[in-house]
């Protein structure tokens, strides 16, 4: 009979949670695919057949005129796609199998976009773009395989995510991460996202073959003074910023460092806004958005978020939705600021035309994504 010392050691039970699928990666992949499609087909106008088969670009000679900028942007644009496909397939498929599928997805998406561009006179289908897009997806797939351990398994980043964020935060984190990027496209009012009436007017005008201006129909008799423009910008800015920051707060656990994360998100959005203005306009206009109305809106938003940071999650979620909804309605009712219209004349799109298409999509659609997240049943659970 064995003594206690002779008993064989018991097996060590691994207490680590089993590998699970990443909602963040899967929702991010879906949204990034929409961004690629929007950027590839922007501005969605003058569709027509030019008598060329959609797949003829594959057999055409390589274009003689191309720039390093075009090649690099095509690679960089599809690199995140490859990473997200690998992450989205985890843990069902890993390593080489996931990389092969990611490359195939990049090839199919790029091929579809180049084929559809055949019917857009403003765009040119190119086999060079097709090859560079596949290269980007392949590099992303390799990076995704190499980074899977750091991001999807027992990494420090995953530990921080579990400590700071609620379990259902994956979708919301994607939308919150897009908020600073939505500042790239020029907006009439700071944080005034969701101005869809001009885009809808263009689509209706092309469809009906006559000029349609929905904004003018809604506000034909509305004229604002300078002070009223300032007040409108103050309210729109306050609503947009309050909604975004409270949305992030809803995704955080009680022990998360709110005093660090909420200001960091605001600083990131303002920093990208400043940089985008300097690049798209002129460096002298880098702070053109910092009007008296915007300053007032920033101050009001800071006070509201500061006072509601530790309020019940249900209260934060409802106020975030109301703030974003108010800003969305206001931005589509209030006339465009004449000063902004004058500044827009100096906008040089140049090589950033495709990126402006994706940025425009983000600017218009971001409030809708945010309202969807805030109304999702997963985020209505009481905590």
Protein backbone atom coordinates (compact mmCIF):
# COMPACT_ATOMS: atom_id res chain seq x y z
CA UNK A 1 0.00 0.00 0.00
CA UNK A 2 1.47 3.35 -1.00
CA UNK A 3 2.19 6.00 1.60
CA UNK A 4 1.27 9.65 1.12
CA UNK A 5 4.75 10.40 -0.12
CA UNK A 6 4.47 7.58 -2.67
CA UNK A 7 1.17 8.70 -4.13
CA UNK A 8 1.64 9.80 -7.74
CA UNK A 9 1.22 13.57 -8.33
CA UNK A 10 -2.19 14.60 -9.55
CA UNK A 11 -2.51 16.15 -12.94
CA UNK A 12 -2.46 19.92 -13.01
CA UNK A 13 -5.77 21.24 -14.23
CA UNK A 14 -5.50 24.16 -16.60
CA UNK A 15 -7.85 26.83 -15.38
CA UNK A 16 -7.49 28.93 -18.52
CA UNK A 17 -10.77 29.42 -20.37
CA UNK A 18 -11.14 27.52 -23.64
CA UNK A 19 -10.46 29.26 -26.91
CA UNK A 20 -13.52 31.02 -28.26
CA UNK A 21 -14.49 32.92 -31.39
CA UNK A 22 -13.84 36.64 -31.50
CA UNK A 23 -16.97 38.73 -32.02
CA UNK A 24 -14.70 41.75 -32.41
CA UNK A 25 -12.91 40.13 -35.37
CA UNK A 26 -16.07 38.89 -37.07
CA UNK A 27 -17.99 42.14 -36.82
CA UNK A 28 -14.82 44.02 -37.75
CA UNK A 29 -14.41 41.86 -40.84
CA UNK A 30 -17.98 42.56 -41.94
CA UNK A 31 -17.62 46.31 -41.48
CA UNK A 32 -14.19 46.45 -43.12
CA UNK A 33 -15.57 44.58 -46.11
CA UNK A 34 -18.26 47.25 -46.44
CA UNK A 35 -15.58 49.95 -46.26
CA UNK A 36 -13.56 48.33 -49.04
CA UNK A 37 -16.66 48.03 -51.22
CA UNK A 38 -17.63 51.65 -50.61
CA UNK A 39 -14.12 52.94 -51.30
CA UNK A 40 -13.81 50.81 -54.44
CA UNK A 41 -17.14 51.88 -55.97
CA UNK A 42 -17.30 55.50 -54.80
CA UNK A 43 -18.96 57.76 -56.01
CA UNK A 44 -21.61 55.27 -57.27
CA UNK A 45 -22.57 57.44 -60.25
CA UNK A 46 -22.95 57.19 -64.05
CA UNK A 47 -23.24 53.40 -64.21
CA UNK A 48 -23.08 52.12 -67.77
CA UNK A 49 -21.70 49.31 -69.90
CA UNK A 50 -18.75 50.13 -72.14
CA UNK A 51 -18.91 46.86 -74.07
CA UNK A 52 -16.16 45.16 -72.07
CA UNK A 53 -16.66 41.96 -70.11
CA UNK A 54 -16.20 42.43 -66.35
CA UNK A 55 -13.33 39.90 -66.25
CA UNK A 56 -11.38 41.32 -69.22
CA UNK A 57 -9.10 43.28 -66.88
CA UNK A 58 -7.38 40.00 -65.96
CA UNK A 59 -6.00 39.56 -69.50
CA UNK A 60 -5.13 43.18 -70.22
CA UNK A 61 -1.48 44.30 -70.32
CA UNK A 62 -0.06 45.77 -67.15
CA UNK A 63 -0.76 49.51 -66.94
CA UNK A 64 2.14 51.70 -68.03
CA UNK A 65 1.28 54.49 -65.63
CA UNK A 66 1.30 53.70 -61.94
CA UNK A 67 2.74 55.25 -58.81
CA UNK A 68 4.34 53.86 -55.69
CA UNK A 69 1.53 55.52 -53.73
CA UNK A 70 -1.09 53.49 -55.60
CA UNK A 71 0.76 50.21 -55.05
CA UNK A 72 1.38 50.85 -51.35
CA UNK A 73 -2.21 51.93 -50.67
CA UNK A 74 -3.62 48.87 -52.45
CA UNK A 75 -1.44 46.60 -50.32
CA UNK A 76 -2.13 48.44 -47.09
CA UNK A 77 -5.87 48.58 -47.82
CA UNK A 78 -6.22 44.79 -48.01
CA UNK A 79 -3.71 43.93 -45.28
CA UNK A 80 -6.24 44.36 -42.43
CA UNK A 81 -8.68 42.21 -44.39
CA UNK A 82 -6.27 39.27 -44.31
CA UNK A 83 -5.68 39.72 -40.58
CA UNK A 84 -9.39 39.94 -39.79
CA UNK A 85 -10.25 36.83 -41.82
CA UNK A 86 -7.66 34.79 -39.91
CA UNK A 87 -8.90 36.18 -36.59
CA UNK A 88 -12.55 35.60 -37.55
CA UNK A 89 -11.89 31.93 -38.39
CA UNK A 90 -10.24 31.28 -35.02
CA UNK A 91 -10.51 28.78 -33.33
CA UNK A 92 -12.25 26.61 -35.96
CA UNK A 93 -9.38 27.10 -38.41
CA UNK A 94 -5.85 28.16 -37.61
CA UNK A 95 -2.42 28.61 -39.11
CA UNK A 96 -2.01 27.55 -42.75
CA UNK A 97 -5.65 26.69 -43.43
CA UNK A 98 -6.84 30.06 -42.12
CA UNK A 99 -4.17 31.87 -44.17
CA UNK A 100 -5.22 30.12 -47.38
CA UNK A 101 -8.87 31.04 -46.83
CA UNK A 102 -7.89 34.66 -46.04
CA UNK A 103 -5.93 34.94 -49.30
CA UNK A 104 -8.84 33.40 -51.23
CA UNK A 105 -11.29 35.88 -49.65
CA UNK A 106 -9.01 38.79 -50.56
CA UNK A 107 -8.74 37.52 -54.13
CA UNK A 108 -12.51 37.11 -54.51
CA UNK A 109 -13.35 40.49 -52.99
CA UNK A 110 -10.73 42.33 -55.04
CA UNK A 111 -11.79 40.52 -58.22
CA UNK A 112 -15.43 41.42 -57.61
CA UNK A 113 -14.59 45.08 -57.01
CA UNK A 114 -12.42 45.32 -60.14
CA UNK A 115 -15.14 43.61 -62.21
CA UNK A 116 -17.86 45.97 -60.97
CA UNK A 117 -15.61 48.97 -61.64
CA UNK A 118 -15.90 48.09 -65.33
CA UNK A 119 -19.35 49.70 -65.24
CA UNK A 120 -18.12 52.91 -63.54
CA UNK A 121 -16.56 55.42 -65.93
CA UNK A 122 -14.92 57.23 -63.03
CA UNK A 123 -13.00 54.10 -62.05
CA UNK A 124 -10.51 51.96 -63.97
CA UNK A 125 -10.28 48.19 -63.55
CA UNK A 126 -6.66 47.09 -63.31
CA UNK A 127 -4.90 43.76 -62.99
CA UNK A 128 -2.12 45.56 -61.12
CA UNK A 129 -4.63 46.65 -58.47
CA UNK A 130 -5.91 43.07 -58.35
CA UNK A 131 -2.44 41.64 -57.77
CA UNK A 132 -1.44 44.25 -55.19
CA UNK A 133 -4.70 43.72 -53.31
CA UNK A 134 -4.02 39.97 -53.18
CA UNK A 135 -0.50 40.72 -51.97
CA UNK A 136 -1.93 42.85 -49.17
CA UNK A 137 -4.38 40.11 -48.19
CA UNK A 138 -1.56 37.53 -48.21
CA UNK A 139 0.67 39.68 -46.02
CA UNK A 140 -2.28 40.25 -43.69
CA UNK A 141 -2.97 36.52 -43.55
CA UNK A 142 0.64 35.81 -42.56
CA UNK A 143 0.52 38.57 -39.96
CA UNK A 144 -2.77 37.21 -38.64
CA UNK A 145 -1.28 33.74 -38.15
CA UNK A 146 1.76 35.18 -36.39
CA UNK A 147 -0.33 37.47 -34.18
CA UNK A 148 -3.03 34.96 -33.24
CA UNK A 149 -1.19 33.95 -30.11
CA UNK A 150 -0.74 37.55 -28.99
CA UNK A 151 -4.32 38.66 -29.62
CA UNK A 152 -6.59 35.62 -29.43
CA UNK A 153 -5.02 33.31 -26.89
CA UNK A 154 -3.79 33.88 -23.33
CA UNK A 155 -2.08 37.21 -23.99
CA UNK A 156 -1.71 40.28 -21.81
CA UNK A 157 -3.98 42.19 -24.19
CA UNK A 158 -6.73 39.58 -23.82
CA UNK A 159 -6.35 39.72 -20.05
CA UNK A 160 -6.76 43.51 -20.08
CA UNK A 161 -9.81 43.17 -22.32
CA UNK A 162 -11.44 40.78 -19.84
CA UNK A 163 -10.57 42.99 -16.90
CA UNK A 164 -11.72 46.30 -18.40
CA UNK A 165 -14.52 45.43 -20.83
CA UNK A 166 -17.81 43.63 -20.45
CA UNK A 167 -18.08 40.27 -22.29
CA UNK A 168 -20.47 41.64 -24.96
CA UNK A 169 -18.23 44.62 -25.81
CA UNK A 170 -16.88 43.23 -29.09
CA UNK A 171 -19.35 44.90 -31.45
CA UNK A 172 -19.36 48.17 -29.57
CA UNK A 173 -15.58 48.28 -29.45
CA UNK A 174 -15.45 48.12 -33.25
CA UNK A 175 -17.86 51.05 -33.59
CA UNK A 176 -16.05 53.09 -30.92
CA UNK A 177 -12.75 52.45 -32.69
CA UNK A 178 -14.21 53.85 -35.91
CA UNK A 179 -15.36 57.10 -34.27
CA UNK A 180 -11.96 58.84 -34.43
CA UNK A 181 -11.57 57.70 -38.06
CA UNK A 182 -14.98 59.18 -38.89
CA UNK A 183 -13.47 62.61 -38.23
CA UNK A 184 -11.36 62.41 -41.41
CA UNK A 185 -14.15 63.45 -43.74
CA UNK A 186 -14.89 67.21 -43.61
CA UNK A 187 -18.05 67.95 -41.63
CA UNK A 188 -20.08 71.12 -41.41
CA UNK A 189 -20.11 70.84 -37.62
CA UNK A 190 -17.66 69.15 -35.26
CA UNK A 191 -18.79 65.57 -34.48
CA UNK A 192 -21.81 66.20 -36.72
CA UNK A 193 -22.02 62.72 -38.21
CA UNK A 194 -24.93 61.26 -40.13
CA UNK A 195 -25.59 64.04 -42.66
CA UNK A 196 -27.24 61.72 -45.17
CA UNK A 197 -29.62 64.15 -46.93
CA UNK A 198 -27.02 65.43 -49.47
CA UNK A 199 -26.02 61.86 -50.39
CA UNK A 200 -29.64 60.77 -50.63
CA UNK A 201 -30.38 63.83 -52.80
CA UNK A 202 -27.59 62.86 -55.21
CA UNK A 203 -28.88 59.30 -55.51
CA UNK A 204 -32.45 60.48 -56.12
CA UNK A 205 -31.25 63.05 -58.66
CA UNK A 206 -29.40 60.37 -60.63
CA UNK A 207 -32.31 57.95 -60.40
CA UNK A 208 -35.03 60.45 -61.38
CA UNK A 209 -32.73 62.33 -63.79
CA UNK A 210 -33.67 65.69 -62.31
CA UNK A 211 -32.16 67.76 -59.51
CA UNK A 212 -33.50 66.87 -56.07
CA UNK A 213 -32.41 68.74 -52.93
CA UNK A 214 -34.06 67.20 -49.88
CA UNK A 215 -32.27 69.58 -47.54
CA UNK A 216 -33.69 72.60 -49.33
CA UNK A 217 -37.17 71.09 -49.31
CA UNK A 218 -37.04 70.57 -45.55
CA UNK A 219 -35.51 73.89 -44.55
CA UNK A 220 -36.46 76.19 -47.43
CA UNK A 221 -37.56 79.00 -45.10
CA UNK A 222 -35.01 78.42 -42.32
CA UNK A 223 -32.42 81.18 -41.98
CA UNK A 224 -30.07 81.37 -39.01
CA UNK A 225 -28.12 84.26 -37.59
CA UNK A 226 -24.46 83.96 -36.65
CA UNK A 227 -25.38 83.39 -33.01
CA UNK A 228 -27.87 80.69 -33.99
CA UNK A 229 -25.22 78.92 -36.06
CA UNK A 230 -22.95 78.97 -32.99
CA UNK A 231 -25.72 77.56 -30.83
CA UNK A 232 -26.48 74.84 -33.38
CA UNK A 233 -22.83 73.82 -33.54
CA UNK A 234 -22.61 73.81 -29.75
CA UNK A 235 -25.56 71.44 -29.46
CA UNK A 236 -24.45 69.18 -32.33
CA UNK A 237 -20.89 68.94 -31.01
CA UNK A 238 -22.06 68.28 -27.46
CA UNK A 239 -24.53 65.62 -28.59
CA UNK A 240 -22.02 63.80 -30.80
CA UNK A 241 -19.21 63.76 -28.26
CA UNK A 242 -21.44 62.90 -25.29
CA UNK A 243 -23.00 60.01 -27.18
CA UNK A 244 -19.65 58.54 -28.23
CA UNK A 245 -17.98 58.80 -24.81
CA UNK A 246 -21.00 57.49 -22.90
CA UNK A 247 -21.19 54.60 -25.35
CA UNK A 248 -17.62 53.66 -24.46
CA UNK A 249 -18.43 54.03 -20.77
CA UNK A 250 -21.28 51.53 -21.18
CA UNK A 251 -18.77 48.93 -22.38
CA UNK A 252 -16.40 49.33 -19.42
CA UNK A 253 -16.39 47.39 -16.19
CA UNK A 254 -16.42 49.21 -12.86
CA UNK A 255 -12.69 48.62 -12.31
CA UNK A 256 -11.71 50.00 -15.73
CA UNK A 257 -9.75 53.31 -15.68
CA UNK A 258 -12.52 55.52 -17.07
CA UNK A 259 -10.63 58.70 -16.17
CA UNK A 260 -7.92 57.60 -18.63
CA UNK A 261 -9.86 55.83 -21.39
CA UNK A 262 -12.64 58.38 -21.99
CA UNK A 263 -10.31 61.40 -22.41
CA UNK A 264 -7.97 59.25 -24.53
CA UNK A 265 -10.82 58.55 -26.98
CA UNK A 266 -11.70 62.25 -27.17
CA UNK A 267 -8.04 63.23 -27.70
CA UNK A 268 -7.69 60.60 -30.47
CA UNK A 269 -10.76 61.94 -32.30
CA UNK A 270 -9.62 65.57 -32.01
CA UNK A 271 -6.07 64.68 -33.03
CA UNK A 272 -7.24 62.89 -36.19
CA UNK A 273 -9.57 65.81 -36.96
CA UNK A 274 -6.67 68.24 -36.71
CA UNK A 275 -4.38 66.11 -38.88
CA UNK A 276 -7.08 65.52 -41.49
CA UNK A 277 -7.81 69.24 -41.80
CA UNK A 278 -4.12 69.97 -42.27
CA UNK A 279 -3.80 67.35 -45.03
CA UNK A 280 -7.09 67.84 -46.87
CA UNK A 281 -7.11 71.63 -46.73
CA UNK A 282 -4.01 73.61 -45.78
CA UNK A 283 -1.96 73.64 -42.55
CA UNK A 284 -3.40 77.10 -41.86
CA UNK A 285 -6.87 75.48 -41.66
CA UNK A 286 -5.81 72.71 -39.26
CA UNK A 287 -7.82 74.35 -36.46
CA UNK A 288 -10.59 75.80 -38.61
CA UNK A 289 -13.08 73.48 -36.90
CA UNK A 290 -12.31 74.96 -33.46
CA UNK A 291 -15.02 77.63 -33.63
CA UNK A 292 -16.70 79.26 -30.63
CA UNK A 293 -19.63 76.87 -31.10
CA UNK A 294 -17.32 73.84 -31.13
CA UNK A 295 -15.55 75.05 -27.99
CA UNK A 296 -18.87 75.40 -26.22
CA UNK A 297 -19.93 71.94 -27.34
CA UNK A 298 -16.68 70.39 -26.10
CA UNK A 299 -17.11 72.05 -22.72
CA UNK A 300 -20.74 70.93 -22.34
CA UNK A 301 -19.87 67.37 -23.41
CA UNK A 302 -16.98 67.22 -20.93
CA UNK A 303 -19.27 68.31 -18.08
CA UNK A 304 -22.02 65.87 -19.06
CA UNK A 305 -19.69 62.90 -19.42
CA UNK A 306 -17.87 63.80 -16.21
CA UNK A 307 -21.13 63.91 -14.29
CA UNK A 308 -22.48 60.68 -15.79
CA UNK A 309 -19.34 58.55 -15.74
CA UNK A 310 -20.43 56.56 -12.69
CA UNK A 311 -24.17 56.66 -13.36
CA UNK A 312 -26.02 53.35 -13.85
CA UNK A 313 -25.27 51.68 -17.18
CA UNK A 314 -28.91 51.86 -18.22
CA UNK A 315 -28.90 55.63 -17.75
CA UNK A 316 -25.64 56.01 -19.69
CA UNK A 317 -26.90 53.89 -22.55
CA UNK A 318 -30.18 55.76 -22.89
CA UNK A 319 -28.55 59.19 -22.70
CA UNK A 320 -25.92 58.12 -25.22
CA UNK A 321 -28.64 57.06 -27.65
CA UNK A 322 -30.64 60.25 -27.08
CA UNK A 323 -27.55 62.43 -27.56
CA UNK A 324 -26.61 60.73 -30.83
CA UNK A 325 -30.19 60.80 -32.08
CA UNK A 326 -30.49 64.51 -31.29
CA UNK A 327 -27.22 65.26 -33.07
CA UNK A 328 -28.29 63.14 -36.07
CA UNK A 329 -31.57 65.01 -36.45
CA UNK A 330 -29.99 68.42 -35.94
CA UNK A 331 -27.24 67.91 -38.50
CA UNK A 332 -29.87 67.10 -41.14
CA UNK A 333 -32.13 70.04 -40.25
CA UNK A 334 -29.70 72.89 -39.61
CA UNK A 335 -28.39 74.55 -42.80
CA UNK A 336 -24.71 74.18 -43.65
CA UNK A 337 -22.51 76.82 -42.07
CA UNK A 338 -21.52 79.34 -44.80
CA UNK A 339 -18.02 79.54 -43.33
CA UNK A 340 -17.63 75.78 -43.75
CA UNK A 341 -18.88 75.97 -47.35
CA UNK A 342 -16.23 78.62 -48.08
CA UNK A 343 -13.51 76.52 -46.45
CA UNK A 344 -14.60 73.48 -48.47
CA UNK A 345 -13.57 75.29 -51.65
CA UNK A 346 -9.92 74.76 -50.69
CA UNK A 347 -10.37 71.00 -50.27
CA UNK A 348 -7.87 69.14 -52.45
CA UNK A 349 -8.80 65.46 -52.73
CA UNK A 350 -6.04 64.40 -55.12
CA UNK A 351 -4.68 60.95 -54.31
CA UNK A 352 -7.01 60.64 -51.34
CA UNK A 353 -10.14 60.36 -53.51
CA UNK A 354 -10.74 56.68 -52.69
CA UNK A 355 -10.04 57.23 -49.00
CA UNK A 356 -12.47 60.13 -48.95
CA UNK A 357 -15.14 57.75 -50.22
CA UNK A 358 -14.57 55.40 -47.29
CA UNK A 359 -14.28 58.35 -44.88
CA UNK A 360 -17.56 59.75 -46.21
CA UNK A 361 -19.25 56.41 -45.60
CA UNK A 362 -17.97 56.39 -42.01
CA UNK A 363 -19.09 59.96 -41.42
CA UNK A 364 -22.61 59.24 -42.63
CA UNK A 365 -23.10 55.76 -41.21
CA UNK A 366 -21.34 55.98 -37.83
CA UNK A 367 -24.35 57.25 -35.82
CA UNK A 368 -26.49 54.46 -37.28
CA UNK A 369 -23.92 51.86 -36.22
CA UNK A 370 -23.74 53.40 -32.76
CA UNK A 371 -27.53 53.48 -32.33
CA UNK A 372 -27.69 49.85 -33.43
CA UNK A 373 -25.12 48.90 -30.79
CA UNK A 374 -26.89 50.86 -28.07
CA UNK A 375 -30.23 49.24 -28.91
CA UNK A 376 -28.82 45.72 -29.29
CA UNK A 377 -30.29 43.28 -26.78
CA UNK A 378 -26.82 42.24 -25.60
CA UNK A 379 -26.17 45.79 -24.39
CA UNK A 380 -29.56 46.12 -22.71
CA UNK A 381 -28.63 43.52 -20.11
CA UNK A 382 -28.48 44.97 -16.61
CA UNK A 383 -25.09 44.91 -14.94
